[in-house]
Structures are given as structure tokens and as C-alpha cells.
Amino acid sequence: MAALCSFPGQAEKVYYVDPDGNAPEGMTVDAVYTKVAAAINAVTADEPVTIYLKPGHEFKESNMTTGANRVDLTIIGDSSIINAGSAQRILRTEAARLVLKDITFTGVKNYTSMGGVLYFAGNANSASELVIDSCVFENCALTSGADGGAAIATGTNAMNVTITNSVFRNNQTEGYRDAMSGTSIHFQGKEGVFTVENSIFQNNVINSNSGAMAVGIVNNSNVQARLANNTFYNNTTKGVPVGSVPNILIKGSGNSVQVVNNTFYFDLRDESDDEGDQTLMKEVYKRTSAVNISETGNNTLYFVNNAVVGLRNAVISPKATGRTIACQNNYAVVLEPHSYVSELADNENGNMLITARESNVGDPFIADIDALTSLMTEAGLSDTLATDNFVPYLAVSETSPLVNAGVAEYLVGEENIVPLVDVLGTAREDDGVDIGAYEYVPSDQPTAIAGVDAATDLSVYVQSGNLVVENHTDTEFQVTLFQIDGRQVAAMPVEQTAVIGGDRLPRGVLLVVATNGHDQIVKKVIL
């Protein structure tokens, strides 16, 4: 099985950015610019524009803005880099639609406001859309009081945000003016959909006693949020020891949040060579958790098929009322249970909760940490990230208790929220679903969703706004289209070529699943 990231077809205008002003070979473009900022400034609200960046080039630019509101803008790199190299934001926009693809963003140094790389304001008049695929956000930092989002922050307007196959690594915030924030992503949108899938949050740090180390879903209302197939690895807090700083923070009101098939892992054994480092480990363990859901706002959390290994808690909440938590088939090896989250009790609803101590009895002692470290090996998770995929992941062993321990179906309304494939694009079978982001396969061959296509039997691309599926074999494929949240939108047999009108399909990221009775191919396309 293979997976592919396809790109939008040719827009009404196409720009190319090359520092030497050279036009690309084999591509017809409307204009060539030497700076990314100049190309962005040329975009108007009159027509969609796609900007292609010179492959492999590092652009040193920052403080860019779209010159007009409500633009429809796509920026596509090819292992391209945009390096701020200063205390400046890279891009601010009020675009109607913004797509970013295959770009590494880095070098935001101690910026003083939220959204170090990107501030996506949205628009007050109608819902906006942000799509990010196969991008890297790394080594960006905000100063104290910047309110979070060293990588991405959004405004408070209605919007839909989809982030897939992306890497958030080594970002840092020095503390927030507003306690409701996230180090890498600070999402404040309302009345829309917020999706993060097949991504990793690695070594992000907050120097605060509040907020979140990775993703803050805050200040918003009536949002349908989904986080699936993600890995949260060694994200830490170094703040004053008050409360628990989670990887994911859920606040606001009336929000429904699906946290499904993620892996949360925390291990500082490599940094614990002396008594001082052991003390640091003890302090960090005091405040780490997978998810913190507010006791106010009538928010709902669906916590399903997640692996939580080495953290202090899995799910926490300041109180047991004012929110709804549903936990199903999770595996947690943590320091201690949380007194207000009885929904994650051991041997209830398929959950496995293994703790190093029975309750919160104050600061963990070195013996508590040693006990937890010993228990962590029972999860059967690799203690190092695999890097044979664009998005690094933690593999599991054949004998891991995570294998086939998940649930294949969990319905929210009529929707099955369990993802169809894992972080590598491996199909999750009905007769055995693993817990966590990775699905163990005995003869596993990484499929690299955000990497090189390994299947030549099927082509999927967008042309003139329509989706085209080409079958290059003599065997008919049954092709099914799904939205990123698992909802089926179309199905058809394809003998040779099928063209699906774009007006019949939702915009955003679609999964294309094709089977011929022997093989299954999963591809991904952005409309």
C-alpha cells in the first residue's frame, strides 16, 4: 500500500519565486519573483493564485503579509525553507483560503506576539480555510507574554483548519500573558473544524505553569476538533510548579474534541546521568499530561485508542463536573491516576491504566520516577523515533500490549471516528486495530504518506478543479473518497479513468482509498 500527497491543479494565476529571477523548466507561469514577499504582495482577491518556490532553496524572509483580504492563496515548496532569522513573524494573513505545502519554517527568534511563523486571522464576514500539509515548523521562539503559537496562531473568527503530515519540533515559549495557549499551535477559531493528523510534536518547551506544550484549543466556541495519528514526544514545561501543563489543552465552550489513536511519550532517561538531572526529571514529571480539559464550558472529549507512556497523567480536569469525557480502549503507563477522571479507570471500557504509585501524594520521589521508568518498557514502544518517514513516529514490537488492543469502531453520532489508516498509511483492519499512531504489521514496509509515492498502479491528481483518478492496471479498482475525519463522500469503480467534478466534493484534504481485491492503495489529495 502506498500514499501520495497531490497538489492543487493550475490556478488562474501561477507565480514562481527564484532568487536569481529564473523561470522554472517545464512550467508555464504568469510571473517570476525574486522574493516570496513580492509574490505574496502581488496576490489580489480577484482570482486564486498558486506560488511555487524554488526547490531546495532557503529564503531568508519575514514580516510578510497578504496585501488584500479574502485572497485564495496556495504556496508550494519542494524541500524549500523560509528562515526568518530575526525577531519577526514570517506571515500574517486574512486570506479566505491559504494552503501551505512542503515548506520548512524556522528561525523566528524571540518574537513578541502570538503566531511566530503564521498568524491566520480569518475574516469576520465569512468562514476562512487554512490547509497545511507536509510542512516543518522548528526552532521558533516567543518571548514572555506572547500568548503562544510559536508556529501557528489563529484569530477568533469562524474558520476551518486542517494540518496533516507536519512536524513541530524544538519550538519554545517563555510564558503567556493569557494562560490559555499552546506552544506550537494556539487555535482560537470558532464554529468550524480544527483537524491535526499524522503529525509530530517533538521537544517543544514552555517556560510557564499554564497553557499547553503542544496544542491549545482555547477562547473558542462550537468547534469540532480532531487530533488523530499524532505523536507527542518529550514535550516539556519548565515553569513554576502549579497545576499540570498538558500536551493538549481544551478550553472555550461547546467544543467537541476527538483525540484518537495518538501516541504520547515522555522519557528523559538519556538526560539523567546525575542527581541534578534526576531532580530536573522529577520537576518535569510533576506537570506533564496528555490532555487537560476545562471544568467549564460544556466541552466534550472523546479519548479513544491512545497510548500514553511516561507522563504524569493521561487525562486531567480541574473538576469532575461541567465537561464530558468518554474514554475507550486507551493504554496508559503513567505516574499516577487523576482523581477527577474516573472515566479512565483500569479495566473499564477497554482501558488499561498502569501507575507507578496509587495516588497524588506530592512531588514524585526519585523512586517513583524509577518505578515509572521500569513500567514504561512494558508498553513495547520503541524508545527512539523512527525516521524512515517524513513524519517521525514510535514503532511498536510484535509482543506489545498495544497490538490489536484498540477498538475498530467508535461512533459519535453516525460517524466512526477511528482513522482508516495509521501514520504511515497502513490500513487499520476491522479484526484488529492497534492503540497509538502506529499500526504493527509483521512484514511492515513504511508507506510514507508525506514522502515518495511507492505505487505506480494508480494516479490521483486535480485538473481544472476536478479530481482525476487513473488506473494503470488491467484490474478494476473500487475507489472510495473520504474526508480527513473519516466521512465517506463518494465511491465508484474505476477501470481506466474517472473524473469527479470538484463541485460535488468538499474542499480540503481527501483520502482516496482504492482496492482491487488483492491490494489497497491510499492516496491523499488537496482540493
Protein backbone atom coordinates (compact mmCIF):
# COMPACT_ATOMS: atom_id res chain seq x y z
CA MET A 1 0.00 0.00 0.00
CA ALA A 2 1.22 3.49 -0.73
CA ALA A 3 0.18 7.04 -0.18
CA LEU A 4 0.80 10.27 -2.00
CA CYS A 5 0.34 13.97 -1.47
CA SER A 6 -1.08 15.53 -4.61
CA PHE A 7 -1.35 19.25 -5.20
CA PRO A 8 -3.98 21.65 -6.41
CA GLY A 9 -4.20 21.97 -10.17
CA GLN A 10 -3.14 25.09 -12.01
CA ALA A 11 -4.83 28.14 -10.58
CA GLU A 12 -5.94 31.09 -12.66
CA LYS A 13 -2.53 32.60 -11.94
CA VAL A 14 0.74 30.88 -11.16
CA TYR A 15 3.82 32.65 -9.78
CA TYR A 16 7.33 31.30 -9.29
CA VAL A 17 9.95 32.50 -6.83
CA ASP A 18 13.63 32.15 -7.67
CA PRO A 19 16.29 34.40 -6.10
CA ASP A 20 18.01 34.73 -9.48
CA GLY A 21 14.79 35.51 -11.34
CA ASN A 22 14.95 32.35 -13.45
CA ALA A 23 11.74 30.77 -14.74
CA PRO A 24 11.19 27.08 -13.93
CA GLU A 25 11.82 24.46 -16.60
CA GLY A 26 8.76 22.74 -17.98
CA MET A 27 6.26 25.05 -16.25
CA THR A 28 4.31 27.98 -17.63
CA VAL A 29 3.96 30.78 -15.10
CA ASP A 30 2.40 34.22 -15.13
CA ALA A 31 5.27 35.93 -13.31
CA VAL A 32 8.64 35.24 -11.69
CA TYR A 33 9.70 37.00 -8.49
CA THR A 34 12.98 37.02 -6.61
CA LYS A 35 11.34 37.35 -3.18
CA VAL A 36 8.49 35.41 -1.59
CA ALA A 37 7.15 38.67 -0.14
CA ALA A 38 6.94 40.26 -3.57
CA ALA A 39 4.95 37.34 -4.95
CA ILE A 40 2.56 37.43 -1.98
CA ASN A 41 2.08 41.18 -2.30
CA ALA A 42 1.02 40.72 -5.92
CA VAL A 43 -1.91 38.48 -4.96
CA THR A 44 -5.35 40.08 -5.14
CA ALA A 45 -8.79 38.88 -4.17
CA ASP A 46 -9.86 38.68 -7.82
CA GLU A 47 -8.59 35.17 -8.57
CA PRO A 48 -6.85 32.18 -6.95
CA VAL A 49 -3.05 32.22 -7.09
CA THR A 50 -0.51 29.44 -6.62
CA ILE A 51 3.06 30.38 -5.76
CA TYR A 52 5.79 27.78 -6.34
CA LEU A 53 9.10 28.16 -4.51
CA LYS A 54 12.46 27.15 -5.95
CA PRO A 55 13.15 23.56 -4.84
CA GLY A 56 15.64 23.17 -2.01
CA HIS A 57 16.32 26.88 -1.64
CA GLU A 58 16.47 28.70 1.69
CA PHE A 59 14.65 32.04 1.56
CA LYS A 60 15.58 34.45 4.36
CA GLU A 61 12.41 36.48 4.69
CA SER A 62 9.99 37.60 7.39
CA ASN A 63 7.27 40.12 8.20
CA MET A 64 5.23 39.16 5.13
CA THR A 65 1.52 39.95 4.74
CA THR A 66 -1.09 39.43 2.07
CA GLY A 67 -1.86 42.79 0.52
CA ALA A 68 -5.60 42.10 0.20
CA ASN A 69 -8.18 40.39 2.37
CA ARG A 70 -10.15 37.33 1.22
CA VAL A 71 -7.43 36.08 -1.11
CA ASP A 72 -7.23 32.43 -2.23
CA LEU A 73 -3.53 31.63 -1.98
CA THR A 74 -1.54 28.39 -2.27
CA ILE A 75 2.22 28.31 -1.59
CA ILE A 76 4.02 25.11 -2.61
CA GLY A 77 7.63 24.34 -1.90
CA ASP A 78 9.82 21.38 -2.74
CA SER A 79 12.00 20.91 0.33
CA SER A 80 12.07 24.72 0.40
CA ILE A 81 12.95 26.69 3.55
CA ILE A 82 11.76 30.07 4.80
CA ASN A 83 14.05 31.29 7.58
CA ALA A 84 13.05 34.42 9.48
CA GLY A 85 16.46 34.78 11.08
CA SER A 86 15.12 37.54 13.30
CA ALA A 87 12.56 38.53 15.92
CA GLN A 88 9.90 38.85 13.23
CA ARG A 89 6.83 36.84 12.28
CA ILE A 90 7.07 35.14 8.88
CA LEU A 91 3.50 35.59 7.58
CA ARG A 92 0.25 37.26 8.63
CA THR A 93 -2.90 36.90 6.54
CA GLU A 94 -6.65 37.39 6.47
CA ALA A 95 -6.94 35.08 3.48
CA ALA A 96 -10.20 33.40 2.60
CA ARG A 97 -8.14 30.29 1.90
CA LEU A 98 -4.46 29.58 2.49
CA VAL A 99 -2.68 26.34 1.57
CA LEU A 100 0.95 25.69 2.57
CA LYS A 101 2.75 22.61 1.25
CA ASP A 102 6.26 21.12 1.66
CA ILE A 103 7.95 24.11 3.31
CA THR A 104 10.20 24.26 6.36
CA PHE A 105 9.66 27.36 8.51
CA THR A 106 12.36 28.26 11.01
CA GLY A 107 14.41 30.98 12.65
CA VAL A 108 11.76 33.07 14.43
CA LYS A 109 13.80 34.44 17.34
CA ASN A 110 12.02 35.67 20.47
CA TYR A 111 9.06 37.20 18.68
CA THR A 112 6.82 39.29 20.92
CA SER A 113 3.33 38.29 19.74
CA MET A 114 1.35 35.11 19.09
CA GLY A 115 1.88 33.26 15.81
CA GLY A 116 5.64 33.22 15.32
CA VAL A 117 5.57 31.64 11.86
CA LEU A 118 1.95 32.25 10.87
CA TYR A 119 -0.91 34.31 12.20
CA PHE A 120 -4.05 33.25 10.35
CA ALA A 121 -6.55 35.91 11.27
CA GLY A 122 -9.50 34.64 9.27
CA ASN A 123 -12.24 37.06 8.30
CA ALA A 124 -15.20 38.40 10.22
CA ASN A 125 -17.58 38.25 7.25
CA SER A 126 -17.40 34.54 6.33
CA ALA A 127 -15.56 31.36 7.30
CA SER A 128 -11.95 31.03 6.17
CA GLU A 129 -9.89 27.93 5.48
CA LEU A 130 -6.29 27.02 6.33
CA VAL A 131 -4.69 23.83 4.97
CA ILE A 132 -1.13 22.85 5.93
CA ASP A 133 0.43 19.67 4.56
CA SER A 134 3.94 18.21 4.81
CA CYS A 135 5.45 21.29 6.46
CA VAL A 136 8.06 21.60 9.21
CA PHE A 137 7.92 24.24 11.96
CA GLU A 138 11.09 24.17 14.01
CA ASN A 139 13.39 26.28 16.19
CA CYS A 140 10.97 29.15 16.65
CA ALA A 141 10.63 31.04 19.94
CA LEU A 142 8.32 33.59 21.52
CA THR A 143 9.10 35.92 24.39
CA SER A 144 7.20 36.09 27.66
CA GLY A 145 3.66 37.40 27.24
CA ALA A 146 3.38 36.46 23.56
CA ASP A 147 0.31 34.26 24.14
CA GLY A 148 1.58 31.17 22.38
CA GLY A 149 1.69 29.65 18.93
CA ALA A 150 5.40 29.79 18.16
CA ALA A 151 4.45 28.02 14.92
CA ILE A 152 0.79 28.91 14.28
CA ALA A 153 -1.84 31.10 15.91
CA THR A 154 -5.30 31.89 14.64
CA GLY A 155 -7.78 34.68 15.11
CA THR A 156 -11.20 34.28 16.71
CA ASN A 157 -13.29 34.27 13.53
CA ALA A 158 -15.16 31.31 12.06
CA MET A 159 -12.69 29.04 10.25
CA ASN A 160 -11.74 25.52 9.21
CA VAL A 161 -8.14 24.44 9.81
CA THR A 162 -6.57 21.19 8.56
CA ILE A 163 -2.97 20.26 9.42
CA THR A 164 -1.59 16.95 8.13
CA ASN A 165 1.78 15.19 7.84
CA SER A 166 3.66 18.01 9.53
CA VAL A 167 6.47 18.35 12.07
CA PHE A 168 6.52 20.73 15.06
CA ARG A 169 9.95 20.49 16.65
CA ASN A 170 12.07 22.44 19.14
CA ASN A 171 9.70 25.39 19.46
CA GLN A 172 9.63 27.39 22.68
CA THR A 173 7.56 29.95 24.54
CA GLU A 174 8.70 31.83 27.60
CA GLY A 175 5.28 32.09 29.22
CA TYR A 176 1.91 33.55 28.34
CA ARG A 177 0.03 36.69 29.21
CA ASP A 178 -3.10 34.60 28.62
CA ALA A 179 -2.94 31.23 30.41
CA MET A 180 -4.99 29.59 27.66
CA SER A 181 -2.35 28.99 25.00
CA GLY A 182 -0.28 26.36 23.19
CA THR A 183 3.44 26.41 22.48
CA SER A 184 3.28 25.23 18.85
CA ILE A 185 -0.37 25.86 17.92
CA HIS A 186 -2.67 28.42 19.50
CA PHE A 187 -6.11 27.85 17.98
CA GLN A 188 -8.87 30.38 18.74
CA GLY A 189 -11.25 29.89 15.81
CA LYS A 190 -14.96 29.31 16.30
CA GLU A 191 -17.85 27.49 14.61
CA GLY A 192 -15.66 25.39 12.37
CA VAL A 193 -13.48 22.30 12.15
CA PHE A 194 -9.94 22.01 13.52
CA THR A 195 -8.02 18.90 12.42
CA VAL A 196 -4.45 17.77 13.17
CA GLU A 197 -3.49 14.36 11.78
CA ASN A 198 -0.37 12.31 11.04
CA SER A 199 1.93 14.89 12.64
CA ILE A 200 4.55 15.02 15.39
CA PHE A 201 5.16 17.45 18.24
CA GLN A 202 8.70 16.88 19.46
CA ASN A 203 10.81 18.62 22.13
CA ASN A 204 8.60 21.70 22.38
CA VAL A 205 9.11 23.64 25.60
CA ILE A 206 7.06 26.09 27.62
CA ASN A 207 8.56 28.07 30.47
CA SER A 208 5.26 28.54 32.26
CA ASN A 209 2.93 26.92 34.76
CA SER A 210 -0.11 27.10 32.46
CA GLY A 211 -1.15 26.65 28.86
CA ALA A 212 -0.12 23.66 26.75
CA MET A 213 3.19 22.30 25.49
CA ALA A 214 1.88 21.50 22.01
CA VAL A 215 -1.71 22.48 21.10
CA GLY A 216 -4.06 24.93 22.81
CA ILE A 217 -7.73 24.82 21.72
CA VAL A 218 -8.89 27.93 23.52
CA ASN A 219 -11.08 31.04 23.56
CA ASN A 220 -13.40 29.45 21.02
CA SER A 221 -16.89 28.01 20.75
CA ASN A 222 -18.74 25.31 18.82
CA VAL A 223 -15.62 23.83 17.24
CA GLN A 224 -15.38 20.25 16.01
CA ALA A 225 -11.76 19.34 16.73
CA ARG A 226 -9.96 16.16 15.78
CA LEU A 227 -6.41 15.06 16.64
CA ALA A 228 -5.51 11.62 15.25
CA ASN A 229 -2.40 9.59 14.41
CA ASN A 230 -0.12 12.17 16.03
CA THR A 231 2.98 11.58 18.14
CA PHE A 232 3.70 13.83 21.13
CA TYR A 233 7.31 13.17 22.10
CA ASN A 234 9.27 14.67 25.01
CA ASN A 235 7.41 17.98 25.15
CA THR A 236 8.23 19.65 28.46
CA THR A 237 7.48 22.50 30.81
CA LYS A 238 9.97 24.34 32.98
CA GLY A 239 7.54 26.62 34.75
CA VAL A 240 6.66 27.22 38.37
CA PRO A 241 5.10 24.02 39.76
CA VAL A 242 1.42 25.00 39.81
CA GLY A 243 -1.10 22.73 38.11
CA SER A 244 -0.48 20.44 35.17
CA VAL A 245 0.69 21.61 31.77
CA PRO A 246 -0.65 19.19 29.13
CA ASN A 247 0.26 18.44 25.54
CA ILE A 248 -3.29 19.36 24.52
CA LEU A 249 -5.40 21.97 26.33
CA ILE A 250 -9.17 22.18 25.76
CA LYS A 251 -10.98 25.31 26.89
CA GLY A 252 -13.64 27.59 25.39
CA SER A 253 -17.27 26.45 25.24
CA GLY A 254 -19.41 23.96 23.36
CA ASN A 255 -16.41 22.30 21.70
CA SER A 256 -16.30 18.63 20.73
CA VAL A 257 -12.75 17.23 20.62
CA GLN A 258 -11.76 13.80 19.27
CA VAL A 259 -8.34 12.60 20.42
CA VAL A 260 -7.94 9.25 18.64
CA ASN A 261 -5.00 6.89 18.01
CA ASN A 262 -2.29 9.24 19.22
CA THR A 263 0.96 8.32 20.97
CA PHE A 264 2.06 10.44 23.94
CA TYR A 265 5.58 9.64 25.14
CA PHE A 266 7.86 11.22 27.69
CA ASP A 267 11.31 9.92 28.60
CA LEU A 268 14.33 11.82 29.87
CA ARG A 269 16.48 8.79 30.69
CA ASP A 270 19.22 9.92 28.33
CA GLU A 271 19.48 13.21 30.22
CA SER A 272 19.58 11.70 33.71
CA ASP A 273 23.20 10.99 34.45
CA ASP A 274 23.49 12.67 37.83
CA GLU A 275 21.47 13.84 40.79
CA GLY A 276 20.84 17.26 39.26
CA ASP A 277 19.29 15.81 36.15
CA GLN A 278 17.20 13.44 38.23
CA THR A 279 15.83 16.46 40.06
CA LEU A 280 15.01 18.11 36.73
CA MET A 281 13.25 14.94 35.62
CA LYS A 282 11.23 14.94 38.84
CA GLU A 283 10.11 18.52 38.30
CA VAL A 284 9.11 17.92 34.69
CA TYR A 285 7.16 14.77 35.52
CA LYS A 286 5.20 16.79 38.05
CA ARG A 287 3.32 18.69 35.38
CA THR A 288 3.02 16.64 32.20
CA SER A 289 -0.20 15.09 30.92
CA ALA A 290 -1.70 14.15 27.58
CA VAL A 291 -4.90 16.23 27.73
CA ASN A 292 -6.29 18.84 30.11
CA ILE A 293 -9.99 19.64 29.66
CA SER A 294 -11.54 22.61 31.42
CA GLU A 295 -14.29 22.03 34.01
CA THR A 296 -16.30 24.88 32.48
CA GLY A 297 -17.79 25.48 29.04
CA ASN A 298 -19.61 22.17 28.46
CA ASN A 299 -16.81 20.82 26.28
CA THR A 300 -16.73 17.15 25.25
CA LEU A 301 -13.63 14.96 24.90
CA TYR A 302 -13.59 11.61 23.11
CA PHE A 303 -10.32 9.91 24.12
CA VAL A 304 -10.03 6.67 22.12
CA ASN A 305 -7.19 4.25 21.23
CA ASN A 306 -4.43 6.46 22.65
CA ALA A 307 -1.10 5.31 24.08
CA VAL A 308 0.18 7.44 26.97
CA VAL A 309 3.59 6.33 28.21
CA GLY A 310 5.84 8.04 30.76
CA LEU A 311 3.71 11.09 31.61
CA ARG A 312 2.33 12.05 34.97
CA ASN A 313 -1.31 11.61 33.91
CA ALA A 314 -3.25 10.73 30.79
CA VAL A 315 -6.34 12.97 31.03
CA ILE A 316 -6.83 15.59 33.72
CA SER A 317 -9.58 18.02 34.63
CA PRO A 318 -9.74 20.54 37.48
CA LYS A 319 -13.17 19.19 38.47
CA ALA A 320 -15.42 16.28 37.64
CA THR A 321 -18.36 18.42 36.51
CA GLY A 322 -19.01 20.89 33.68
CA ARG A 323 -17.47 18.75 30.97
CA THR A 324 -18.00 15.35 29.34
CA ILE A 325 -15.20 12.78 28.93
CA ALA A 326 -15.54 9.46 27.10
CA CYS A 327 -12.56 7.10 27.25
CA GLN A 328 -12.34 3.87 25.25
CA ASN A 329 -9.52 1.34 24.75
CA ASN A 330 -6.62 3.52 25.86
CA TYR A 331 -3.31 2.26 27.25
CA ALA A 332 -1.63 4.46 29.86
CA VAL A 333 1.59 3.88 31.79
CA VAL A 334 1.74 6.97 33.97
CA LEU A 335 2.96 8.17 37.34
CA GLU A 336 -0.49 8.28 38.96
CA PRO A 337 -4.23 8.30 38.24
CA HIS A 338 -6.16 11.56 38.24
CA SER A 339 -8.78 11.83 40.94
CA TYR A 340 -11.32 13.76 38.80
CA VAL A 341 -11.15 11.50 35.74
CA SER A 342 -12.77 8.23 36.75
CA GLU A 343 -13.68 7.67 33.08
CA LEU A 344 -10.13 6.38 32.54
CA ALA A 345 -10.24 3.66 35.18
CA ASP A 346 -8.31 0.44 34.66
CA ASN A 347 -10.29 -2.41 33.07
CA GLU A 348 -13.23 -0.10 32.27
CA ASN A 349 -14.33 0.34 28.64
CA GLY A 350 -11.24 -1.44 27.37
CA ASN A 351 -8.85 0.97 29.12
CA MET A 352 -5.57 -0.19 30.65
CA LEU A 353 -4.21 2.15 33.34
CA ILE A 354 -0.86 1.19 34.87
CA THR A 355 0.51 3.59 37.50
CA ALA A 356 3.80 3.85 39.38
CA ARG A 357 2.01 4.97 42.53
CA GLU A 358 -1.58 4.78 43.68
CA SER A 359 -2.36 8.48 44.08
CA ASN A 360 -1.01 12.01 44.07
CA VAL A 361 0.93 12.23 47.31
CA GLY A 362 3.00 15.29 46.47
CA ASP A 363 6.18 15.69 44.47
CA PRO A 364 7.38 12.41 42.96
CA PHE A 365 10.48 10.97 44.55
CA ILE A 366 13.33 9.52 42.55
CA ALA A 367 11.99 6.08 43.47
CA ASP A 368 8.65 6.97 41.87
CA ILE A 369 10.37 8.03 38.68
CA ASP A 370 12.47 4.86 38.68
CA ALA A 371 9.32 2.77 39.09
CA LEU A 372 7.66 4.56 36.19
CA THR A 373 10.74 4.18 34.01
CA SER A 374 10.70 0.46 34.66
CA LEU A 375 7.00 0.18 33.79
CA MET A 376 7.49 2.05 30.52
CA THR A 377 9.28 -0.90 28.95
CA GLU A 378 6.09 -2.97 29.26
CA ALA A 379 4.38 -0.87 26.58
CA GLY A 380 6.55 -2.37 23.84
CA LEU A 381 7.19 1.03 22.29
CA SER A 382 10.50 1.89 20.73
CA ASP A 383 12.32 4.45 22.87
CA THR A 384 13.68 6.25 19.80
CA LEU A 385 11.85 7.83 16.90
CA ALA A 386 11.87 6.08 13.55
CA THR A 387 12.96 8.48 10.81
CA ASP A 388 12.22 6.48 7.66
CA ASN A 389 9.07 8.56 7.16
CA PHE A 390 8.73 12.31 6.61
CA VAL A 391 6.92 12.43 9.96
CA PRO A 392 8.94 10.52 12.62
CA TYR A 393 7.00 8.01 14.70
CA LEU A 394 7.36 5.46 17.51
CA ALA A 395 7.06 1.87 16.32
CA VAL A 396 5.78 -0.97 18.49
CA SER A 397 7.04 -4.53 18.85
CA GLU A 398 5.11 -7.65 17.88
CA THR A 399 4.58 -8.55 21.55
CA SER A 400 3.43 -5.07 22.62
CA PRO A 401 0.13 -4.94 24.56
CA LEU A 402 -0.86 -2.14 22.16
CA VAL A 403 -1.20 -4.58 19.24
CA ASN A 404 -4.84 -5.40 18.42
CA ALA A 405 -5.91 -3.79 21.71
CA GLY A 406 -7.82 -0.87 20.15
CA VAL A 407 -11.40 -0.59 19.01
CA ALA A 408 -12.10 -0.59 15.25
CA GLU A 409 -15.29 1.42 15.57
CA TYR A 410 -16.29 4.21 17.92
CA LEU A 411 -19.36 6.12 16.82
CA VAL A 412 -20.03 9.78 17.55
CA GLY A 413 -23.48 10.15 16.14
CA GLU A 414 -23.27 8.12 12.93
CA GLU A 415 -19.56 8.81 12.37
CA ASN A 416 -16.84 6.26 13.13
CA ILE A 417 -14.02 8.42 14.48
CA VAL A 418 -11.30 5.73 14.35
CA PRO A 419 -8.91 6.67 11.48
CA LEU A 420 -8.84 4.33 8.49
CA VAL A 421 -5.03 4.29 8.29
CA ASP A 422 -2.11 4.87 10.65
CA VAL A 423 0.63 7.50 10.49
CA LEU A 424 2.36 5.56 7.68
CA GLY A 425 -0.78 4.97 5.66
CA THR A 426 -1.11 1.34 6.78
CA ALA A 427 -4.76 0.26 6.79
CA ARG A 428 -6.43 -0.46 10.11
CA GLU A 429 -8.32 -3.72 9.75
CA ASP A 430 -11.65 -4.39 11.44
CA ASP A 431 -10.35 -7.58 13.04
CA GLY A 432 -7.51 -5.88 14.89
CA VAL A 433 -6.72 -2.21 15.49
CA ASP A 434 -3.63 -1.17 17.46
CA ILE A 435 -3.54 1.52 20.12
CA GLY A 436 -1.50 4.60 19.23
CA ALA A 437 -0.45 6.29 16.00
CA TYR A 438 1.38 3.27 14.57
CA GLU A 439 -0.20 0.04 13.31
CA TYR A 440 2.06 -3.00 13.64
CA VAL A 441 2.34 -5.18 10.53
CA PRO A 442 4.50 -8.35 10.61
CA SER A 443 6.10 -7.59 7.23
CA ASP A 444 5.88 -3.85 7.65
CA GLN A 445 7.06 -1.73 4.74
CA PRO A 446 6.81 2.02 5.53
CA THR A 447 4.49 3.76 3.10
CA ALA A 448 5.48 7.36 3.79
CA ILE A 449 2.28 9.35 3.43
CA ALA A 450 4.29 12.54 3.15
CA GLY A 451 7.11 11.01 1.17
CA VAL A 452 7.68 9.39 -2.20
CA ASP A 453 4.84 7.53 -3.88
CA ALA A 454 5.55 3.80 -3.92
CA ALA A 455 2.59 2.79 -6.12
CA THR A 456 2.54 3.31 -9.88
CA ASP A 457 -0.73 1.43 -10.36
CA LEU A 458 -2.91 4.44 -9.58
CA SER A 459 -2.59 8.18 -10.18
CA VAL A 460 -4.66 10.80 -8.38
CA TYR A 461 -4.48 14.49 -9.20
CA VAL A 462 -6.51 17.67 -9.56
CA GLN A 463 -7.08 19.18 -13.01
CA SER A 464 -9.18 22.27 -13.68
CA GLY A 465 -10.77 21.92 -10.27
CA ASN A 466 -11.84 18.30 -10.84
CA LEU A 467 -10.44 15.15 -9.21
CA VAL A 468 -8.93 12.67 -11.67
CA VAL A 469 -8.24 9.00 -10.84
CA GLU A 470 -6.25 6.97 -13.38
CA ASN A 471 -5.97 3.18 -13.18
CA HIS A 472 -2.77 1.92 -14.88
CA THR A 473 -3.56 -1.78 -14.48
CA ASP A 474 -5.85 -4.29 -16.18
CA THR A 475 -7.81 -4.85 -12.95
CA GLU A 476 -10.72 -2.70 -11.88
CA PHE A 477 -10.26 -0.70 -8.68
CA GLN A 478 -13.08 0.16 -6.31
CA VAL A 479 -12.32 3.74 -5.26
CA THR A 480 -13.79 5.41 -2.18
CA LEU A 481 -13.24 9.04 -1.19
CA PHE A 482 -13.17 10.08 2.45
CA GLN A 483 -12.79 13.39 4.22
CA ILE A 484 -9.88 13.55 6.64
CA ASP A 485 -12.28 12.95 9.55
CA GLY A 486 -13.37 9.60 8.05
CA ARG A 487 -16.68 10.63 6.44
CA GLN A 488 -17.28 8.97 3.07
CA VAL A 489 -18.10 11.42 0.28
CA ALA A 490 -18.06 9.27 -2.90
CA ALA A 491 -17.48 5.73 -4.21
CA MET A 492 -17.10 4.36 -7.73
CA PRO A 493 -15.45 1.58 -9.79
CA VAL A 494 -12.51 2.74 -11.93
CA GLU A 495 -11.45 0.63 -14.90
CA GLN A 496 -9.30 3.25 -16.60
CA THR A 497 -10.03 6.91 -15.77
CA ALA A 498 -12.61 8.60 -13.59
CA VAL A 499 -13.19 12.35 -13.36
CA ILE A 500 -15.16 13.59 -10.34
CA GLY A 501 -16.48 17.12 -10.57
CA GLY A 502 -14.99 19.42 -7.98
CA ASP A 503 -18.40 20.95 -7.33
CA ARG A 504 -19.52 17.57 -5.94
CA LEU A 505 -16.67 17.31 -3.43
CA PRO A 506 -15.80 19.21 -0.24
CA ARG A 507 -12.70 21.36 -0.35
CA GLY A 508 -9.72 20.45 1.77
CA VAL A 509 -7.85 17.19 2.23
CA LEU A 510 -9.39 13.97 0.88
CA LEU A 511 -8.22 10.38 1.29
CA VAL A 512 -8.55 8.24 -1.83
CA VAL A 513 -8.75 4.54 -0.92
CA ALA A 514 -8.55 2.07 -3.84
CA THR A 515 -8.85 -1.72 -3.63
CA ASN A 516 -8.79 -4.42 -6.33
CA GLY A 517 -9.42 -7.47 -4.16
CA HIS A 518 -5.70 -8.04 -3.52
CA ASP A 519 -4.05 -4.69 -2.88
CA GLN A 520 -5.11 -1.47 -1.20
CA ILE A 521 -3.70 1.92 -2.14
CA VAL A 522 -4.31 5.06 -0.10
CA LYS A 523 -3.54 8.45 -1.58
CA LYS A 524 -4.16 11.96 -0.37
CA VAL A 525 -5.19 14.99 -2.40
CA ILE A 526 -5.92 18.62 -1.62
CA LEU A 527 -8.87 20.25 -3.39
